[in-house]
């Protein structure tokens, strides 16, 4: 436990010193502000485009913005933020292997399991901080300008999307246990998501896949209940744990 705490502190301090932590949080703040901002500007955009569209035979009626518009933007933009996170952490392990910076620490008695656990925890901690910061900003402005009570189950839908991010970061941990570069890690993570997306086209298994949690629209409108997503959430959580745990014995046998 002492090694885990020490290495986690080292990772966070390094991210703070090189500015990546601040940049990460700023990006997520911008995403959080952008969601209600786009919703707020939607009527103005429609009004601006009304004349040009009218000449094409398209008539735009008056549009009323609600909190739903802000939350729809949140669930559209968060996958992009998730991609930024995956790319940012894709080389977290492999850069250490390439530079050989872990060898002195391991020589002093730090276990490889502690390294894997600390790096994985750091990724999850930073992802969670950024994600829920963006969620909080969106929630505040959506409730300030409109009324969040008009949107159903937005908290659970947000939890589902956060959980997918957790699984992808655990996939980074797994592929980093044997990959030699960040590109290989990102390719592996991308392949996992692509396979799940393709399998999601099969109706019989769609509701059991982690990608099912991305389909938040029925939750927001009240057409679906959180219980409909419970199985997918449990499978996503279990897959995250398996990926992270499987990385430990593979990393233990890796030559540095």
C-alpha atoms as a PDB file:
ATOM      1  CA  UNK A   1       0.000   0.000   0.000  1.00  0.00           C
ATOM      2  CA  UNK A   2       2.866   2.386   0.778  1.00  0.00           C
ATOM      3  CA  UNK A   3       4.337   1.848  -2.686  1.00  0.00           C
ATOM      4  CA  UNK A   4       0.921   2.379  -4.267  1.00  0.00           C
ATOM      5  CA  UNK A   5       0.371   5.691  -2.466  1.00  0.00           C
ATOM      6  CA  UNK A   6       3.902   6.883  -3.204  1.00  0.00           C
ATOM      7  CA  UNK A   7       3.710   6.076  -6.913  1.00  0.00           C
ATOM      8  CA  UNK A   8       0.231   7.592  -7.255  1.00  0.00           C
ATOM      9  CA  UNK A   9       1.511  10.818  -5.697  1.00  0.00           C
ATOM     10  CA  UNK A  10       4.448  10.775  -8.089  1.00  0.00           C
ATOM     11  CA  UNK A  11       2.139  10.373 -11.104  1.00  0.00           C
ATOM     12  CA  UNK A  12      -0.165  13.206 -10.047  1.00  0.00           C
ATOM     13  CA  UNK A  13       2.750  15.505  -9.245  1.00  0.00           C
ATOM     14  CA  UNK A  14       4.315  14.786 -12.625  1.00  0.00           C
ATOM     15  CA  UNK A  15       1.046  15.583 -14.407  1.00  0.00           C
ATOM     16  CA  UNK A  16       0.780  18.819 -12.448  1.00  0.00           C
ATOM     17  CA  UNK A  17       4.340  19.885 -13.225  1.00  0.00           C
ATOM     18  CA  UNK A  18       4.127  19.252 -16.968  1.00  0.00           C
ATOM     19  CA  UNK A  19       0.792  21.056 -17.156  1.00  0.00           C
ATOM     20  CA  UNK A  20      -1.195  18.101 -18.459  1.00  0.00           C
ATOM     21  CA  UNK A  21      -3.484  17.995 -15.423  1.00  0.00           C
ATOM     22  CA  UNK A  22      -4.403  21.673 -15.720  1.00  0.00           C
ATOM     23  CA  UNK A  23      -4.917  21.364 -19.464  1.00  0.00           C
ATOM     24  CA  UNK A  24      -7.124  18.312 -18.958  1.00  0.00           C
ATOM     25  CA  UNK A  25      -9.340  20.083 -16.425  1.00  0.00           C
ATOM     26  CA  UNK A  26      -9.573  23.200 -18.604  1.00  0.00           C
ATOM     27  CA  UNK A  27     -10.724  21.092 -21.553  1.00  0.00           C
ATOM     28  CA  UNK A  28     -13.456  19.492 -19.476  1.00  0.00           C
ATOM     29  CA  UNK A  29     -14.503  22.880 -18.084  1.00  0.00           C
ATOM     30  CA  UNK A  30     -14.878  24.130 -21.641  1.00  0.00           C
ATOM     31  CA  UNK A  31     -16.961  21.093 -22.550  1.00  0.00           C
ATOM     32  CA  UNK A  32     -19.170  21.731 -19.527  1.00  0.00           C
ATOM     33  CA  UNK A  33     -19.695  25.392 -20.455  1.00  0.00           C
ATOM     34  CA  UNK A  34     -20.183  24.607 -24.131  1.00  0.00           C
ATOM     35  CA  UNK A  35     -23.211  22.350 -23.555  1.00  0.00           C
ATOM     36  CA  UNK A  36     -25.625  24.974 -22.154  1.00  0.00           C
ATOM     37  CA  UNK A  37     -23.996  27.696 -24.288  1.00  0.00           C
ATOM     38  CA  UNK A  38     -24.837  25.883 -27.525  1.00  0.00           C
ATOM     39  CA  UNK A  39     -28.376  25.269 -26.279  1.00  0.00           C
ATOM     40  CA  UNK A  40     -28.732  28.951 -25.333  1.00  0.00           C
ATOM     41  CA  UNK A  41     -27.528  30.086 -28.772  1.00  0.00           C
ATOM     42  CA  UNK A  42     -29.699  27.669 -30.747  1.00  0.00           C
ATOM     43  CA  UNK A  43     -32.655  30.096 -31.258  1.00  0.00           C
ATOM     44  CA  UNK A  44     -30.243  32.825 -32.394  1.00  0.00           C
ATOM     45  CA  UNK A  45     -28.619  30.409 -34.871  1.00  0.00           C
ATOM     46  CA  UNK A  46     -32.007  29.425 -36.262  1.00  0.00           C
ATOM     47  CA  UNK A  47     -32.999  33.079 -36.581  1.00  0.00           C
ATOM     48  CA  UNK A  48     -29.725  33.894 -38.361  1.00  0.00           C
ATOM     49  CA  UNK A  49     -30.189  31.047 -40.824  1.00  0.00           C
ATOM     50  CA  UNK A  50     -33.918  31.645 -41.341  1.00  0.00           C
ATOM     51  CA  UNK A  51     -33.570  33.953 -44.363  1.00  0.00           C
ATOM     52  CA  UNK A  52     -31.066  31.790 -46.226  1.00  0.00           C
ATOM     53  CA  UNK A  53     -33.091  28.646 -45.571  1.00  0.00           C
ATOM     54  CA  UNK A  54     -36.338  30.364 -46.565  1.00  0.00           C
ATOM     55  CA  UNK A  55     -34.898  31.002 -50.035  1.00  0.00           C
ATOM     56  CA  UNK A  56     -34.418  27.245 -50.290  1.00  0.00           C
ATOM     57  CA  UNK A  57     -38.012  26.588 -49.334  1.00  0.00           C
ATOM     58  CA  UNK A  58     -37.276  25.597 -45.727  1.00  0.00           C
ATOM     59  CA  UNK A  59     -39.311  27.369 -43.070  1.00  0.00           C
ATOM     60  CA  UNK A  60     -38.087  27.490 -39.473  1.00  0.00           C
ATOM     61  CA  UNK A  61     -40.729  27.934 -36.794  1.00  0.00           C
ATOM     62  CA  UNK A  62     -40.064  29.423 -33.375  1.00  0.00           C
ATOM     63  CA  UNK A  63     -37.822  27.158 -31.287  1.00  0.00           C
ATOM     64  CA  UNK A  64     -38.083  26.956 -27.496  1.00  0.00           C
ATOM     65  CA  UNK A  65     -34.941  25.865 -25.669  1.00  0.00           C
ATOM     66  CA  UNK A  66     -35.191  23.630 -22.586  1.00  0.00           C
ATOM     67  CA  UNK A  67     -32.758  21.825 -20.311  1.00  0.00           C
ATOM     68  CA  UNK A  68     -33.119  18.829 -22.619  1.00  0.00           C
ATOM     69  CA  UNK A  69     -31.158  20.686 -25.314  1.00  0.00           C
ATOM     70  CA  UNK A  70     -28.284  21.268 -22.902  1.00  0.00           C
ATOM     71  CA  UNK A  71     -28.158  17.634 -21.790  1.00  0.00           C
ATOM     72  CA  UNK A  72     -28.372  16.392 -25.369  1.00  0.00           C
ATOM     73  CA  UNK A  73     -25.268  18.462 -26.067  1.00  0.00           C
ATOM     74  CA  UNK A  74     -23.588  16.934 -23.005  1.00  0.00           C
ATOM     75  CA  UNK A  75     -24.068  13.392 -24.300  1.00  0.00           C
ATOM     76  CA  UNK A  76     -22.978  14.417 -27.799  1.00  0.00           C
ATOM     77  CA  UNK A  77     -19.784  16.080 -26.587  1.00  0.00           C
ATOM     78  CA  UNK A  78     -18.632  13.694 -23.872  1.00  0.00           C
ATOM     79  CA  UNK A  79     -17.566  10.928 -26.296  1.00  0.00           C
ATOM     80  CA  UNK A  80     -15.179  13.497 -27.808  1.00  0.00           C
ATOM     81  CA  UNK A  81     -13.858  14.306 -24.321  1.00  0.00           C
ATOM     82  CA  UNK A  82     -13.516  10.576 -23.720  1.00  0.00           C
ATOM     83  CA  UNK A  83     -11.435  10.277 -26.880  1.00  0.00           C
ATOM     84  CA  UNK A  84      -9.177  13.094 -25.661  1.00  0.00           C
ATOM     85  CA  UNK A  85      -8.719  11.212 -22.388  1.00  0.00           C
ATOM     86  CA  UNK A  86      -7.839   7.918 -24.080  1.00  0.00           C
ATOM     87  CA  UNK A  87      -5.310   9.591 -26.377  1.00  0.00           C
ATOM     88  CA  UNK A  88      -3.819  11.501 -23.451  1.00  0.00           C
ATOM     89  CA  UNK A  89      -3.238   8.347 -21.405  1.00  0.00           C
ATOM     90  CA  UNK A  90      -2.436   5.988 -24.281  1.00  0.00           C
ATOM     91  CA  UNK A  91       1.306   6.208 -23.640  1.00  0.00           C
ATOM     92  CA  UNK A  92       1.221   6.413 -19.850  1.00  0.00           C
ATOM     93  CA  UNK A  93       2.747   2.960 -19.427  1.00  0.00           C
ATOM     94  CA  UNK A  94       4.686   2.481 -22.653  1.00  0.00           C
ATOM     95  CA  UNK A  95       6.621   5.739 -22.278  1.00  0.00           C
ATOM     96  CA  UNK A  96       7.961   4.463 -18.940  1.00  0.00           C
ATOM     97  CA  UNK A  97       8.958   1.143 -20.526  1.00  0.00           C
ATOM     98  CA  UNK A  98      10.696   2.880 -23.443  1.00  0.00           C
ATOM     99  CA  UNK A  99      12.662   5.256 -21.205  1.00  0.00           C
ATOM    100  CA  UNK A 100      13.491   2.608 -18.604  1.00  0.00           C
ATOM    101  CA  UNK A 101      12.460   4.911 -15.766  1.00  0.00           C
ATOM    102  CA  UNK A 102      10.733   2.102 -13.889  1.00  0.00           C
ATOM    103  CA  UNK A 103      13.866  -0.007 -13.522  1.00  0.00           C
ATOM    104  CA  UNK A 104      15.402   2.023 -10.631  1.00  0.00           C
ATOM    105  CA  UNK A 105      12.092   1.982  -8.758  1.00  0.00           C
ATOM    106  CA  UNK A 106      11.634  -1.760  -9.209  1.00  0.00           C
ATOM    107  CA  UNK A 107      15.238  -2.303  -8.133  1.00  0.00           C
ATOM    108  CA  UNK A 108      14.427  -0.509  -4.864  1.00  0.00           C
ATOM    109  CA  UNK A 109      11.636  -2.950  -4.071  1.00  0.00           C
ATOM    110  CA  UNK A 110       8.533  -1.475  -5.678  1.00  0.00           C
ATOM    111  CA  UNK A 111       6.326  -4.210  -7.064  1.00  0.00           C
ATOM    112  CA  UNK A 112       5.046  -4.188 -10.620  1.00  0.00           C
ATOM    113  CA  UNK A 113       1.560  -4.739  -9.275  1.00  0.00           C
ATOM    114  CA  UNK A 114       1.797  -1.471  -7.349  1.00  0.00           C
ATOM    115  CA  UNK A 115       2.919   0.326 -10.514  1.00  0.00           C
ATOM    116  CA  UNK A 116      -0.028  -1.043 -12.510  1.00  0.00           C
ATOM    117  CA  UNK A 117      -2.492  -0.235  -9.735  1.00  0.00           C
ATOM    118  CA  UNK A 118      -1.134   3.296  -9.203  1.00  0.00           C
ATOM    119  CA  UNK A 119      -1.120   4.221 -12.876  1.00  0.00           C
ATOM    120  CA  UNK A 120      -4.610   2.803 -13.391  1.00  0.00           C
ATOM    121  CA  UNK A 121      -5.916   4.626 -10.329  1.00  0.00           C
ATOM    122  CA  UNK A 122      -4.339   7.875 -11.559  1.00  0.00           C
ATOM    123  CA  UNK A 123      -6.076   7.565 -14.922  1.00  0.00           C
ATOM    124  CA  UNK A 124      -9.419   6.820 -13.296  1.00  0.00           C
ATOM    125  CA  UNK A 125      -9.025   9.636 -10.779  1.00  0.00           C
ATOM    126  CA  UNK A 126      -8.211  12.265 -13.414  1.00  0.00           C
ATOM    127  CA  UNK A 127     -10.948  11.010 -15.750  1.00  0.00           C
ATOM    128  CA  UNK A 128     -13.494  11.091 -12.932  1.00  0.00           C
ATOM    129  CA  UNK A 129     -12.455  14.581 -11.824  1.00  0.00           C
ATOM    130  CA  UNK A 130     -12.729  15.978 -15.342  1.00  0.00           C
ATOM    131  CA  UNK A 131     -15.934  14.159 -16.234  1.00  0.00           C
ATOM    132  CA  UNK A 132     -17.899  15.040 -13.117  1.00  0.00           C
ATOM    133  CA  UNK A 133     -16.579  18.612 -13.230  1.00  0.00           C
ATOM    134  CA  UNK A 134     -18.062  18.918 -16.708  1.00  0.00           C
ATOM    135  CA  UNK A 135     -21.259  17.264 -15.481  1.00  0.00           C
ATOM    136  CA  UNK A 136     -21.507  19.707 -12.573  1.00  0.00           C
ATOM    137  CA  UNK A 137     -21.054  22.755 -14.798  1.00  0.00           C
ATOM    138  CA  UNK A 138     -23.686  21.487 -17.229  1.00  0.00           C
ATOM    139  CA  UNK A 139     -26.069  20.706 -14.385  1.00  0.00           C
ATOM    140  CA  UNK A 140     -25.647  24.152 -12.797  1.00  0.00           C
ATOM    141  CA  UNK A 141     -26.244  26.209 -15.931  1.00  0.00           C
ATOM    142  CA  UNK A 142     -29.014  23.942 -17.197  1.00  0.00           C
ATOM    143  CA  UNK A 143     -30.851  24.333 -13.921  1.00  0.00           C
ATOM    144  CA  UNK A 144     -30.116  28.071 -13.744  1.00  0.00           C
ATOM    145  CA  UNK A 145     -31.435  28.905 -17.199  1.00  0.00           C
ATOM    146  CA  UNK A 146     -34.137  26.257 -17.449  1.00  0.00           C
ATOM    147  CA  UNK A 147     -35.162  23.395 -15.163  1.00  0.00           C
ATOM    148  CA  UNK A 148     -33.379  20.040 -14.886  1.00  0.00           C
ATOM    149  CA  UNK A 149     -36.501  18.377 -13.523  1.00  0.00           C
ATOM    150  CA  UNK A 150     -37.838  18.344 -17.089  1.00  0.00           C
ATOM    151  CA  UNK A 151     -35.138  15.810 -18.030  1.00  0.00           C
ATOM    152  CA  UNK A 152     -35.463  12.201 -16.856  1.00  0.00           C
ATOM    153  CA  UNK A 153     -32.632  10.062 -15.453  1.00  0.00           C
ATOM    154  CA  UNK A 154     -29.803  12.351 -16.626  1.00  0.00           C
ATOM    155  CA  UNK A 155     -27.681  11.376 -13.599  1.00  0.00           C
ATOM    156  CA  UNK A 156     -27.866   7.643 -14.345  1.00  0.00           C
ATOM    157  CA  UNK A 157     -27.263   8.241 -18.049  1.00  0.00           C
ATOM    158  CA  UNK A 158     -24.167  10.256 -17.103  1.00  0.00           C
ATOM    159  CA  UNK A 159     -22.995   7.456 -14.828  1.00  0.00           C
ATOM    160  CA  UNK A 160     -23.267   4.988 -17.705  1.00  0.00           C
ATOM    161  CA  UNK A 161     -21.115   7.130 -19.979  1.00  0.00           C
ATOM    162  CA  UNK A 162     -18.555   7.621 -17.196  1.00  0.00           C
ATOM    163  CA  UNK A 163     -18.446   3.842 -16.723  1.00  0.00           C
ATOM    164  CA  UNK A 164     -17.590   3.312 -20.387  1.00  0.00           C
ATOM    165  CA  UNK A 165     -14.680   5.698 -19.916  1.00  0.00           C
ATOM    166  CA  UNK A 166     -13.525   3.622 -16.957  1.00  0.00           C
ATOM    167  CA  UNK A 167     -13.598   0.468 -19.082  1.00  0.00           C
ATOM    168  CA  UNK A 168     -11.590   2.074 -21.889  1.00  0.00           C
ATOM    169  CA  UNK A 169      -8.942   3.271 -19.430  1.00  0.00           C
ATOM    170  CA  UNK A 170      -8.724  -0.234 -17.958  1.00  0.00           C
ATOM    171  CA  UNK A 171      -8.295  -1.476 -21.519  1.00  0.00           C
ATOM    172  CA  UNK A 172      -5.320   0.893 -21.800  1.00  0.00           C
ATOM    173  CA  UNK A 173      -3.858  -0.782 -18.715  1.00  0.00           C
ATOM    174  CA  UNK A 174      -4.363  -4.234 -20.241  1.00  0.00           C
ATOM    175  CA  UNK A 175      -2.905  -3.503 -23.679  1.00  0.00           C
ATOM    176  CA  UNK A 176      -0.021  -1.585 -22.115  1.00  0.00           C
ATOM    177  CA  UNK A 177       1.027  -4.766 -20.300  1.00  0.00           C
ATOM    178  CA  UNK A 178       2.379  -6.222 -23.552  1.00  0.00           C
ATOM    179  CA  UNK A 179       2.314  -3.434 -26.193  1.00  0.00           C
ATOM    180  CA  UNK A 180       5.501  -1.589 -27.098  1.00  0.00           C
ATOM    181  CA  UNK A 181       4.089   1.786 -28.079  1.00  0.00           C
ATOM    182  CA  UNK A 182       1.200   4.144 -27.443  1.00  0.00           C
ATOM    183  CA  UNK A 183       0.009   3.610 -31.031  1.00  0.00           C
ATOM    184  CA  UNK A 184      -0.379  -0.127 -30.398  1.00  0.00           C
ATOM    185  CA  UNK A 185      -2.274   0.543 -27.174  1.00  0.00           C
ATOM    186  CA  UNK A 186      -4.658   2.977 -28.862  1.00  0.00           C
ATOM    187  CA  UNK A 187      -5.154   0.539 -31.733  1.00  0.00           C
ATOM    188  CA  UNK A 188      -6.098  -2.180 -29.278  1.00  0.00           C
ATOM    189  CA  UNK A 189      -8.527   0.050 -27.383  1.00  0.00           C
ATOM    190  CA  UNK A 190     -10.061   1.239 -30.640  1.00  0.00           C
ATOM    191  CA  UNK A 191     -10.470  -2.352 -31.834  1.00  0.00           C
ATOM    192  CA  UNK A 192     -12.289  -3.293 -28.627  1.00  0.00           C
ATOM    193  CA  UNK A 193     -14.743  -0.431 -29.013  1.00  0.00           C
ATOM    194  CA  UNK A 194     -15.220  -1.136 -32.726  1.00  0.00           C
ATOM    195  CA  UNK A 195     -16.027  -4.798 -32.054  1.00  0.00           C
ATOM    196  CA  UNK A 196     -18.556  -3.850 -29.383  1.00  0.00           C
ATOM    197  CA  UNK A 197     -20.158  -1.370 -31.779  1.00  0.00           C
ATOM    198  CA  UNK A 198     -20.467  -4.021 -34.499  1.00  0.00           C
ATOM    199  CA  UNK A 199     -21.888  -6.557 -32.057  1.00  0.00           C
ATOM    200  CA  UNK A 200     -24.344  -3.896 -30.941  1.00  0.00           C
ATOM    201  CA  UNK A 201     -26.000  -4.174 -34.333  1.00  0.00           C
ATOM    202  CA  UNK A 202     -27.187  -7.628 -33.327  1.00  0.00           C
ATOM    203  CA  UNK A 203     -30.457  -7.146 -31.495  1.00  0.00           C
ATOM    204  CA  UNK A 204     -30.129 -10.200 -29.245  1.00  0.00           C
ATOM    205  CA  UNK A 205     -26.914  -9.021 -27.566  1.00  0.00           C
ATOM    206  CA  UNK A 206     -27.209  -5.238 -27.888  1.00  0.00           C
ATOM    207  CA  UNK A 207     -28.597  -4.676 -24.387  1.00  0.00           C
ATOM    208  CA  UNK A 208     -25.734  -6.622 -22.788  1.00  0.00           C
ATOM    209  CA  UNK A 209     -22.898  -4.613 -24.301  1.00  0.00           C
ATOM    210  CA  UNK A 210     -21.137  -1.605 -22.732  1.00  0.00           C
ATOM    211  CA  UNK A 211     -21.914   0.451 -25.852  1.00  0.00           C
ATOM    212  CA  UNK A 212     -25.609   0.168 -24.959  1.00  0.00           C
ATOM    213  CA  UNK A 213     -24.923   2.713 -22.206  1.00  0.00           C
ATOM    214  CA  UNK A 214     -24.163   5.342 -24.856  1.00  0.00           C
ATOM    215  CA  UNK A 215     -27.782   5.253 -26.011  1.00  0.00           C
ATOM    216  CA  UNK A 216     -28.998   7.791 -23.468  1.00  0.00           C
ATOM    217  CA  UNK A 217     -31.855   9.396 -25.432  1.00  0.00           C
ATOM    218  CA  UNK A 218     -34.580   6.983 -24.176  1.00  0.00           C
ATOM    219  CA  UNK A 219     -33.440   7.613 -20.600  1.00  0.00           C
ATOM    220  CA  UNK A 220     -33.544  11.391 -20.965  1.00  0.00           C
ATOM    221  CA  UNK A 221     -37.039  11.359 -22.434  1.00  0.00           C
ATOM    222  CA  UNK A 222     -38.356   8.869 -19.887  1.00  0.00           C
ATOM    223  CA  UNK A 223     -39.050   6.191 -22.493  1.00  0.00           C
ATOM    224  CA  UNK A 224     -36.613   3.854 -20.714  1.00  0.00           C
ATOM    225  CA  UNK A 225     -35.781   3.234 -17.059  1.00  0.00           C
ATOM    226  CA  UNK A 226     -32.348   2.775 -15.423  1.00  0.00           C
ATOM    227  CA  UNK A 227     -33.240  -0.875 -14.798  1.00  0.00           C
ATOM    228  CA  UNK A 228     -33.179  -1.423 -18.575  1.00  0.00           C
ATOM    229  CA  UNK A 229     -29.457  -0.574 -18.533  1.00  0.00           C
ATOM    230  CA  UNK A 230     -28.546  -2.409 -15.346  1.00  0.00           C
ATOM    231  CA  UNK A 231     -27.190  -5.541 -17.041  1.00  0.00           C
ATOM    232  CA  UNK A 232     -25.004  -3.540 -19.432  1.00  0.00           C
ATOM    233  CA  UNK A 233     -23.673  -1.466 -16.527  1.00  0.00           C
ATOM    234  CA  UNK A 234     -22.776  -4.574 -14.507  1.00  0.00           C
ATOM    235  CA  UNK A 235     -21.038  -6.186 -17.485  1.00  0.00           C
ATOM    236  CA  UNK A 236     -19.104  -2.970 -18.137  1.00  0.00           C
ATOM    237  CA  UNK A 237     -17.968  -2.783 -14.509  1.00  0.00           C
ATOM    238  CA  UNK A 238     -16.970  -6.472 -14.535  1.00  0.00           C
ATOM    239  CA  UNK A 239     -15.077  -6.072 -17.828  1.00  0.00           C
ATOM    240  CA  UNK A 240     -13.195  -3.094 -16.366  1.00  0.00           C
ATOM    241  CA  UNK A 241     -12.126  -5.117 -13.339  1.00  0.00           C
ATOM    242  CA  UNK A 242     -11.069  -8.102 -15.469  1.00  0.00           C
ATOM    243  CA  UNK A 243      -9.001  -5.960 -17.843  1.00  0.00           C
ATOM    244  CA  UNK A 244      -7.191  -4.205 -14.997  1.00  0.00           C
ATOM    245  CA  UNK A 245      -6.592  -7.437 -13.075  1.00  0.00           C
ATOM    246  CA  UNK A 246      -5.367  -9.323 -16.144  1.00  0.00           C
ATOM    247  CA  UNK A 247      -2.711  -6.672 -16.724  1.00  0.00           C
ATOM    248  CA  UNK A 248      -0.946  -7.463 -13.439  1.00  0.00           C
ATOM    249  CA  UNK A 249       0.355 -11.000 -14.208  1.00  0.00           C
ATOM    250  CA  UNK A 250       1.191 -10.056 -17.818  1.00  0.00           C
ATOM    251  CA  UNK A 251       3.174  -7.012 -16.674  1.00  0.00           C
ATOM    252  CA  UNK A 252       4.941  -9.159 -14.081  1.00  0.00           C
ATOM    253  CA  UNK A 253       6.379 -11.329 -16.871  1.00  0.00           C
ATOM    254  CA  UNK A 254       7.250  -8.418 -19.138  1.00  0.00           C
ATOM    255  CA  UNK A 255      10.934  -7.751 -19.861  1.00  0.00           C
ATOM    256  CA  UNK A 256      11.920  -4.145 -19.174  1.00  0.00           C
END
